[in-house]
Amino acid sequence: MPVSPKEIDSGKLYTVSETAKILAVTDQTVRKHLSEKNLPGKKFGRRWLVKGSEIQKFIGESG
């Protein structure tokens, strides 16, 4: 079950796994959204991080 946007810390940076749990999807789906720029994120080395506020926006647009 996806998390309510109000329960997400807008200032926190979430990993792909954390984002996947929030959105109730797989890690692979989150990476796909990141690479297609549907979900904005930052790549640090090999690791993607997503700001909580961007997850909130994404939920609002897709929900």
N, C-alpha and C. Protein backbone atom coordinates (compact mmCIF):
# COMPACT_ATOMS: atom_id res chain seq x y z
N MET A 1 0.84 -1.18 0.00
CA MET A 1 0.00 0.00 0.00
C MET A 1 0.89 1.25 0.00
N PRO A 2 0.68 2.15 -0.95
CA PRO A 2 1.49 3.36 -1.01
C PRO A 2 1.29 4.24 0.23
N VAL A 3 2.30 5.03 0.52
CA VAL A 3 2.28 5.93 1.66
C VAL A 3 1.61 7.23 1.26
N SER A 4 0.93 7.86 2.19
CA SER A 4 0.32 9.17 1.95
C SER A 4 1.42 10.21 1.75
N PRO A 5 1.23 11.16 0.82
CA PRO A 5 2.25 12.20 0.62
C PRO A 5 2.57 12.97 1.91
N LYS A 6 1.63 13.08 2.83
CA LYS A 6 1.85 13.81 4.08
C LYS A 6 2.82 13.08 5.00
N GLU A 7 2.98 11.78 4.82
CA GLU A 7 3.87 10.98 5.67
C GLU A 7 5.32 11.00 5.19
N ILE A 8 5.58 11.64 4.07
CA ILE A 8 6.93 11.68 3.49
C ILE A 8 7.63 12.95 3.95
N ASP A 9 8.86 12.82 4.43
CA ASP A 9 9.67 13.96 4.84
C ASP A 9 10.18 14.66 3.58
N SER A 10 9.66 15.86 3.30
CA SER A 10 9.98 16.54 2.05
C SER A 10 11.45 16.93 1.91
N GLY A 11 12.17 17.06 3.02
CA GLY A 11 13.56 17.45 2.95
C GLY A 11 14.54 16.28 2.93
N LYS A 12 14.05 15.08 3.16
CA LYS A 12 14.92 13.90 3.22
C LYS A 12 15.24 13.38 1.82
N LEU A 13 16.43 12.80 1.68
CA LEU A 13 16.80 12.12 0.44
C LEU A 13 16.55 10.63 0.62
N TYR A 14 15.80 10.04 -0.29
CA TYR A 14 15.43 8.62 -0.21
C TYR A 14 16.20 7.82 -1.25
N THR A 15 16.59 6.61 -0.89
CA THR A 15 17.25 5.70 -1.83
C THR A 15 16.20 5.11 -2.77
N VAL A 16 16.67 4.40 -3.77
CA VAL A 16 15.76 3.74 -4.71
C VAL A 16 14.87 2.74 -3.95
N SER A 17 15.46 1.98 -3.05
CA SER A 17 14.68 0.98 -2.30
C SER A 17 13.63 1.63 -1.42
N GLU A 18 14.00 2.71 -0.74
CA GLU A 18 13.04 3.42 0.11
C GLU A 18 11.91 4.02 -0.73
N THR A 19 12.27 4.59 -1.87
CA THR A 19 11.28 5.17 -2.78
C THR A 19 10.34 4.09 -3.30
N ALA A 20 10.88 2.94 -3.63
CA ALA A 20 10.05 1.83 -4.12
C ALA A 20 9.05 1.39 -3.06
N LYS A 21 9.47 1.32 -1.81
CA LYS A 21 8.55 0.94 -0.73
C LYS A 21 7.44 1.96 -0.57
N ILE A 22 7.80 3.25 -0.64
CA ILE A 22 6.80 4.32 -0.51
C ILE A 22 5.77 4.23 -1.63
N LEU A 23 6.25 3.98 -2.86
CA LEU A 23 5.36 3.95 -4.03
C LEU A 23 4.72 2.58 -4.26
N ALA A 24 5.13 1.58 -3.48
CA ALA A 24 4.62 0.21 -3.62
C ALA A 24 4.89 -0.34 -5.02
N VAL A 25 6.14 -0.13 -5.49
CA VAL A 25 6.59 -0.67 -6.77
C VAL A 25 7.96 -1.31 -6.56
N THR A 26 8.52 -1.87 -7.61
CA THR A 26 9.85 -2.49 -7.50
C THR A 26 10.94 -1.43 -7.66
N ASP A 27 12.15 -1.79 -7.23
CA ASP A 27 13.31 -0.91 -7.42
C ASP A 27 13.51 -0.62 -8.90
N GLN A 28 13.31 -1.64 -9.73
CA GLN A 28 13.49 -1.49 -11.17
C GLN A 28 12.53 -0.44 -11.75
N THR A 29 11.30 -0.41 -11.26
CA THR A 29 10.32 0.57 -11.73
C THR A 29 10.75 1.98 -11.36
N VAL A 30 11.27 2.15 -10.14
CA VAL A 30 11.75 3.46 -9.71
C VAL A 30 12.92 3.90 -10.59
N ARG A 31 13.87 3.01 -10.85
CA ARG A 31 15.01 3.34 -11.71
C ARG A 31 14.55 3.72 -13.12
N LYS A 32 13.52 3.05 -13.61
CA LYS A 32 12.97 3.38 -14.94
C LYS A 32 12.41 4.80 -14.94
N HIS A 33 11.63 5.14 -13.91
CA HIS A 33 11.08 6.50 -13.82
C HIS A 33 12.19 7.54 -13.71
N LEU A 34 13.25 7.22 -12.97
CA LEU A 34 14.38 8.14 -12.84
C LEU A 34 15.10 8.32 -14.17
N SER A 35 15.37 7.23 -14.86
CA SER A 35 16.11 7.34 -16.13
C SER A 35 15.29 8.02 -17.22
N GLU A 36 13.97 7.87 -17.16
CA GLU A 36 13.08 8.53 -18.13
C GLU A 36 12.70 9.95 -17.70
N LYS A 37 13.24 10.37 -16.54
CA LYS A 37 13.01 11.71 -15.99
C LYS A 37 11.54 11.97 -15.63
N ASN A 38 10.77 10.91 -15.41
CA ASN A 38 9.40 11.06 -14.91
C ASN A 38 9.42 11.41 -13.42
N LEU A 39 10.48 10.94 -12.74
CA LEU A 39 10.69 11.20 -11.33
C LEU A 39 12.07 11.82 -11.19
N PRO A 40 12.16 13.11 -10.84
CA PRO A 40 13.47 13.76 -10.72
C PRO A 40 14.27 13.18 -9.55
N GLY A 41 15.55 13.00 -9.77
CA GLY A 41 16.45 12.51 -8.74
C GLY A 41 17.88 12.90 -9.08
N LYS A 42 18.77 12.65 -8.14
CA LYS A 42 20.19 12.95 -8.33
C LYS A 42 20.97 11.65 -8.27
N LYS A 43 21.95 11.53 -9.14
CA LYS A 43 22.79 10.35 -9.13
C LYS A 43 24.14 10.71 -8.53
N PHE A 44 24.50 9.99 -7.48
CA PHE A 44 25.79 10.16 -6.81
C PHE A 44 26.57 8.88 -7.02
N GLY A 45 27.53 8.92 -7.92
CA GLY A 45 28.24 7.70 -8.30
C GLY A 45 27.28 6.76 -8.99
N ARG A 46 27.08 5.58 -8.42
CA ARG A 46 26.14 4.61 -8.98
C ARG A 46 24.79 4.63 -8.28
N ARG A 47 24.64 5.52 -7.32
CA ARG A 47 23.45 5.52 -6.46
C ARG A 47 22.52 6.69 -6.76
N TRP A 48 21.24 6.40 -6.94
CA TRP A 48 20.22 7.42 -7.13
C TRP A 48 19.64 7.82 -5.78
N LEU A 49 19.38 9.12 -5.61
CA LEU A 49 18.69 9.63 -4.43
C LEU A 49 17.55 10.53 -4.90
N VAL A 50 16.42 10.43 -4.21
CA VAL A 50 15.23 11.17 -4.59
C VAL A 50 14.78 12.00 -3.40
N LYS A 51 14.58 13.29 -3.61
CA LYS A 51 14.12 14.16 -2.53
C LYS A 51 12.65 13.86 -2.22
N GLY A 52 12.31 13.88 -0.94
CA GLY A 52 10.95 13.58 -0.51
C GLY A 52 9.91 14.44 -1.21
N SER A 53 10.23 15.72 -1.43
CA SER A 53 9.27 16.61 -2.08
C SER A 53 8.99 16.17 -3.52
N GLU A 54 9.98 15.57 -4.19
CA GLU A 54 9.77 15.07 -5.55
C GLU A 54 8.88 13.82 -5.54
N ILE A 55 9.01 13.00 -4.51
CA ILE A 55 8.13 11.84 -4.38
C ILE A 55 6.70 12.30 -4.15
N GLN A 56 6.53 13.33 -3.30
CA GLN A 56 5.20 13.88 -3.04
C GLN A 56 4.56 14.39 -4.33
N LYS A 57 5.34 15.13 -5.14
CA LYS A 57 4.83 15.62 -6.42
C LYS A 57 4.45 14.47 -7.35
N PHE A 58 5.31 13.45 -7.40
CA PHE A 58 5.08 12.29 -8.25
C PHE A 58 3.79 11.58 -7.86
N ILE A 59 3.57 11.39 -6.57
CA ILE A 59 2.34 10.76 -6.08
C ILE A 59 1.13 11.60 -6.45
N GLY A 60 1.26 12.92 -6.31
CA GLY A 60 0.16 13.83 -6.65
C GLY A 60 -0.21 13.77 -8.12
N GLU A 61 0.79 13.64 -8.99
CA GLU A 61 0.55 13.61 -10.43
C GLU A 61 0.00 12.25 -10.87
N SER A 62 0.48 11.17 -10.25
CA SER A 62 0.06 9.86 -10.70
C SER A 62 -1.14 9.33 -9.92
N GLY A 63 -1.45 9.95 -8.77
CA GLY A 63 -2.57 9.48 -7.94
C GLY A 63 -3.76 10.24 -8.25
